[in-house]
Amino acid sequence: MSGGDWQLKGSPLIWAPLMKTLLPKTLQITVYQDVLCAWCYIADMRLETLRHEFGDAVRWRVRPYPLRVQDTRPTERELRGLSEEVKRASNEPEPVARLLTTDLWLGGDPPRSSLPGLAALEAARLQGPQARAFMAKAMQRAALEQGVNVSRTDVVFELASRVGLAMNDFSAAFHSEETQKLILDEHRLAASRGVRGVPTVIIGGRWMICGLREVAEYREHILACMGKIATPRPGSTIERLVH
């Protein structure tokens, strides 16, 4: 599995700085996620490694995909299923996985909808990508490590204040009907392209990787899309994106 000088053996940090000069244009990768999803939390950490490795050779877009669209309390069956997903995610090797808790879903105040949390991230994004990243991390930690219902407006504003957002601008964007419309439109667009859950990674508008994967597998698919290695090895599940 090699292509010329590109080897998966050895440290990727050796060749990553060369990407920008060798590639004709930047590769775009879109990551669909929900702030309430434990799998997305772990995927974020794995993809962060690749953000550093590929540098400017890849343009990353993180887009909302609400798993809970309707504003309704989860049923007992749904709560059991959601808590089981957290338990499964807690078995992943990352140290943070051991911090995951089911309290978000079993603590008596479960989120009714994903929309408020995702609206908070879109509102933070307007203050820059770093603001959005800080807000996302704060919300994920509160929800998935501490069991706090981050869909509540009071919690959203407390976290926004803690990460240093400009609160007047944040409040206006968070409460805007346009923000919710953007999230729902994004959800419909993603669903029309075949996205059915999160995390989902779309590479170059061509390939879709559903579910949590190892860093090495994400890297392999990215390099394959760049044409730097042959097609990923057999057994690697990836779907061609249908436009």
Protein backbone atom coordinates (compact mmCIF):
# COMPACT_ATOMS: atom_id res chain seq x y z
CA MET A 1 0.00 0.00 0.00
CA SER A 2 2.31 2.68 -1.20
CA GLY A 3 2.46 5.19 -3.96
CA GLY A 4 5.88 6.35 -4.99
CA ASP A 5 7.54 8.05 -2.05
CA TRP A 6 4.40 7.97 0.07
CA GLN A 7 4.62 5.29 2.74
CA LEU A 8 2.21 4.68 5.60
CA LYS A 9 5.14 3.28 7.56
CA GLY A 10 7.06 5.73 9.68
CA SER A 11 5.94 8.98 11.20
CA PRO A 12 3.32 10.93 9.19
CA LEU A 13 4.78 14.08 10.69
CA ILE A 14 7.75 13.70 8.35
CA TRP A 15 5.74 14.07 5.17
CA ALA A 16 2.84 16.20 6.37
CA PRO A 17 4.67 19.55 6.00
CA LEU A 18 5.25 18.74 2.32
CA MET A 19 1.55 18.37 1.55
CA LYS A 20 0.85 22.01 0.76
CA THR A 21 3.56 22.27 -1.87
CA LEU A 22 2.87 18.91 -3.51
CA LEU A 23 -0.90 19.05 -3.80
CA PRO A 24 -2.55 21.06 -6.58
CA LYS A 25 -5.36 22.26 -4.32
CA THR A 26 -6.65 21.93 -0.80
CA LEU A 27 -8.73 18.85 -0.02
CA GLN A 28 -12.01 19.58 1.75
CA ILE A 29 -13.23 17.26 4.49
CA THR A 30 -16.67 17.71 6.03
CA VAL A 31 -17.41 16.24 9.45
CA TYR A 32 -21.04 15.89 10.49
CA GLN A 33 -21.56 15.69 14.23
CA ASP A 34 -23.93 16.22 17.16
CA VAL A 35 -22.61 17.76 20.38
CA LEU A 36 -24.62 15.20 22.40
CA CYS A 37 -22.90 12.22 20.77
CA ALA A 38 -20.14 10.40 22.66
CA TRP A 39 -18.80 8.84 19.44
CA CYS A 40 -18.38 12.33 17.97
CA TYR A 41 -16.44 13.42 21.04
CA ILE A 42 -13.90 10.65 20.53
CA ALA A 43 -13.85 11.14 16.75
CA ASP A 44 -12.99 14.82 17.33
CA MET A 45 -9.87 13.82 19.22
CA ARG A 46 -8.77 11.36 16.56
CA LEU A 47 -9.35 13.82 13.74
CA GLU A 48 -7.45 16.51 15.63
CA THR A 49 -4.31 14.42 15.14
CA LEU A 50 -4.87 14.54 11.39
CA ARG A 51 -5.58 18.27 11.41
CA HIS A 52 -2.07 18.79 12.72
CA GLU A 53 -0.53 16.27 10.35
CA PHE A 54 -2.07 17.55 7.13
CA GLY A 55 -1.98 21.22 8.02
CA ASP A 56 -3.04 23.53 5.19
CA ALA A 57 -3.36 20.65 2.74
CA VAL A 58 -6.82 19.92 4.15
CA ARG A 59 -9.70 22.30 4.79
CA TRP A 60 -11.95 20.98 7.54
CA ARG A 61 -15.64 21.83 7.85
CA VAL A 62 -17.59 20.73 10.92
CA ARG A 63 -21.31 20.78 10.25
CA PRO A 64 -24.33 20.08 12.45
CA TYR A 65 -26.33 16.90 12.11
CA PRO A 66 -28.95 16.74 14.89
CA LEU A 67 -29.78 13.22 16.02
CA ARG A 68 -32.79 14.55 17.90
CA VAL A 69 -34.65 17.05 15.75
CA GLN A 70 -38.04 17.15 17.44
CA ASP A 71 -38.48 18.91 20.80
CA THR A 72 -39.80 15.90 22.72
CA ARG A 73 -38.60 14.11 25.83
CA PRO A 74 -36.91 10.81 24.96
CA THR A 75 -38.92 7.71 25.77
CA GLU A 76 -37.61 5.25 28.35
CA ARG A 77 -36.60 2.94 25.54
CA GLU A 78 -34.72 5.75 23.81
CA LEU A 79 -32.99 6.69 27.04
CA ARG A 80 -31.80 3.11 27.52
CA GLY A 81 -30.51 3.02 23.96
CA LEU A 82 -28.73 6.37 24.27
CA SER A 83 -27.08 5.34 27.55
CA GLU A 84 -25.94 2.05 26.01
CA GLU A 85 -24.21 4.00 23.24
CA VAL A 86 -22.30 5.98 25.87
CA LYS A 87 -21.30 2.77 27.65
CA ARG A 88 -20.00 1.32 24.40
CA ALA A 89 -18.05 4.48 23.63
CA SER A 90 -16.49 4.34 27.10
CA ASN A 91 -14.66 1.17 26.04
CA GLU A 92 -12.55 3.04 23.46
CA PRO A 93 -8.83 3.32 24.30
CA GLU A 94 -8.67 7.12 24.68
CA PRO A 95 -8.26 8.23 28.34
CA VAL A 96 -11.25 10.55 27.95
CA ALA A 97 -13.46 7.54 27.17
CA ARG A 98 -13.20 6.48 30.81
CA LEU A 99 -14.66 9.84 31.82
CA LEU A 100 -17.86 9.37 29.83
CA THR A 101 -21.01 9.13 31.90
CA THR A 102 -24.58 8.08 31.19
CA ASP A 103 -25.90 10.79 33.53
CA LEU A 104 -26.84 13.01 30.58
CA TRP A 105 -29.55 10.51 29.66
CA LEU A 106 -30.30 8.80 32.98
CA GLY A 107 -29.88 11.72 35.40
CA GLY A 108 -33.49 12.89 35.25
CA ASP A 109 -33.02 15.91 32.96
CA PRO A 110 -32.23 14.53 29.49
CA PRO A 111 -31.99 16.80 26.44
CA ARG A 112 -35.23 16.95 24.48
CA SER A 113 -33.59 18.04 21.22
CA SER A 114 -30.14 18.46 19.71
CA LEU A 115 -31.06 21.80 18.14
CA PRO A 116 -30.23 24.18 21.05
CA GLY A 117 -26.74 22.73 21.47
CA LEU A 118 -26.01 22.89 17.78
CA ALA A 119 -27.45 26.42 17.58
CA ALA A 120 -24.98 27.42 20.29
CA LEU A 121 -22.11 26.10 18.19
CA GLU A 122 -23.30 27.89 15.08
CA ALA A 123 -23.62 31.11 17.08
CA ALA A 124 -20.09 30.64 18.43
CA ARG A 125 -18.78 29.96 14.92
CA LEU A 126 -19.69 33.53 13.92
CA GLN A 127 -16.98 34.68 16.33
CA GLY A 128 -14.34 32.58 14.62
CA PRO A 129 -13.32 28.92 14.31
CA GLN A 130 -11.42 29.00 17.60
CA ALA A 131 -14.48 30.32 19.43
CA ARG A 132 -16.53 27.50 17.98
CA ALA A 133 -13.88 24.92 18.97
CA PHE A 134 -13.71 26.22 22.56
CA MET A 135 -17.50 26.18 22.86
CA ALA A 136 -17.76 22.68 21.41
CA LYS A 137 -15.19 21.31 23.85
CA ALA A 138 -16.88 22.99 26.80
CA MET A 139 -20.28 21.62 25.80
CA GLN A 140 -18.98 18.11 25.16
CA ARG A 141 -17.22 17.96 28.51
CA ALA A 142 -20.25 19.28 30.36
CA ALA A 143 -22.67 16.92 28.64
CA LEU A 144 -20.65 13.75 28.26
CA GLU A 145 -18.30 13.87 31.26
CA GLN A 146 -20.51 15.66 33.79
CA GLY A 147 -24.00 14.72 32.61
CA VAL A 148 -25.18 18.34 32.26
CA ASN A 149 -28.11 19.04 29.95
CA VAL A 150 -26.42 21.43 27.52
CA SER A 151 -29.63 21.98 25.58
CA ARG A 152 -30.87 24.23 28.39
CA THR A 153 -30.56 27.93 27.61
CA ASP A 154 -29.14 28.80 31.04
CA VAL A 155 -26.41 26.18 30.62
CA VAL A 156 -25.64 27.34 27.08
CA PHE A 157 -25.14 30.93 28.22
CA GLU A 158 -23.06 29.94 31.23
CA LEU A 159 -20.69 27.95 29.01
CA ALA A 160 -20.55 30.71 26.39
CA SER A 161 -19.56 33.17 29.07
CA ARG A 162 -16.91 30.84 30.47
CA VAL A 163 -15.16 30.46 27.12
CA GLY A 164 -15.13 34.22 26.64
CA LEU A 165 -17.63 34.75 23.83
CA ALA A 166 -19.05 38.21 23.11
CA MET A 167 -22.38 37.58 24.76
CA ASN A 168 -24.58 40.13 22.97
CA ASP A 169 -23.54 38.85 19.56
CA PHE A 170 -23.82 35.26 20.75
CA SER A 171 -27.31 35.78 22.15
CA ALA A 172 -28.58 37.38 18.95
CA ALA A 173 -27.26 34.53 16.80
CA PHE A 174 -28.38 31.79 19.22
CA HIS A 175 -31.96 33.06 19.31
CA SER A 176 -32.15 33.80 15.58
CA GLU A 177 -34.64 31.77 13.57
CA GLU A 178 -32.07 31.79 10.77
CA THR A 179 -29.69 29.75 12.92
CA GLN A 180 -32.23 27.00 13.48
CA LYS A 181 -33.20 27.10 9.80
CA LEU A 182 -29.53 26.69 8.84
CA ILE A 183 -29.23 23.58 11.03
CA LEU A 184 -32.40 22.00 9.65
CA ASP A 185 -31.39 22.81 6.06
CA GLU A 186 -27.97 21.26 6.71
CA HIS A 187 -29.67 18.18 8.13
CA ARG A 188 -31.87 17.79 5.04
CA LEU A 189 -28.92 18.29 2.70
CA ALA A 190 -26.81 15.75 4.55
CA ALA A 191 -29.65 13.22 4.58
CA SER A 192 -30.12 13.70 0.83
CA ARG A 193 -26.44 12.81 0.37
CA GLY A 194 -26.81 9.60 2.38
CA VAL A 195 -25.81 10.71 5.87
CA ARG A 196 -27.80 8.73 8.42
CA GLY A 197 -25.87 9.22 11.64
CA VAL A 198 -22.79 10.70 13.26
CA PRO A 199 -19.90 10.96 13.19
CA THR A 200 -19.82 10.97 9.39
CA VAL A 201 -16.76 12.17 7.48
CA ILE A 202 -17.00 13.17 3.82
CA ILE A 203 -13.68 13.42 2.01
CA GLY A 204 -13.39 15.62 -1.03
CA GLY A 205 -17.10 15.35 -1.78
CA ARG A 206 -16.38 11.81 -3.02
CA TRP A 207 -16.15 9.38 -0.12
CA MET A 208 -18.25 8.99 3.01
CA ILE A 209 -17.00 7.28 6.17
CA CYS A 210 -19.72 6.53 8.70
CA GLY A 211 -19.07 5.84 12.37
CA LEU A 212 -15.98 6.09 14.53
CA ARG A 213 -12.75 4.84 12.93
CA GLU A 214 -9.14 4.48 13.96
CA VAL A 215 -6.79 7.37 13.14
CA ALA A 216 -4.87 5.13 10.73
CA GLU A 217 -8.02 4.35 8.76
CA TYR A 218 -9.03 8.01 8.49
CA ARG A 219 -5.49 8.83 7.33
CA GLU A 220 -5.50 6.04 4.77
CA HIS A 221 -8.74 7.23 3.20
CA ILE A 222 -7.52 10.82 3.06
CA LEU A 223 -4.29 9.80 1.35
CA ALA A 224 -6.21 7.60 -1.07
CA CYS A 225 -8.46 10.51 -1.98
CA MET A 226 -5.37 12.62 -2.53
CA GLY A 227 -4.02 9.95 -4.85
CA LYS A 228 -0.94 9.40 -2.72
CA ILE A 229 -1.60 5.72 -2.03
CA ALA A 230 -3.58 3.00 -3.72
CA THR A 231 -7.22 2.34 -2.88
CA PRO A 232 -7.64 1.50 0.84
CA ARG A 233 -7.15 -2.16 1.68
CA PRO A 234 -10.04 -4.63 1.29
CA GLY A 235 -12.33 -4.80 4.28
CA SER A 236 -12.20 -1.07 4.87
CA THR A 237 -15.80 0.12 4.73
CA ILE A 238 -16.29 3.32 2.81
CA GLU A 239 -19.10 4.50 0.56
CA ARG A 240 -18.96 6.54 -2.61
CA LEU A 241 -20.94 9.70 -2.12
CA VAL A 242 -24.06 10.06 -4.23
CA HIS A 243 -24.79 13.67 -5.24
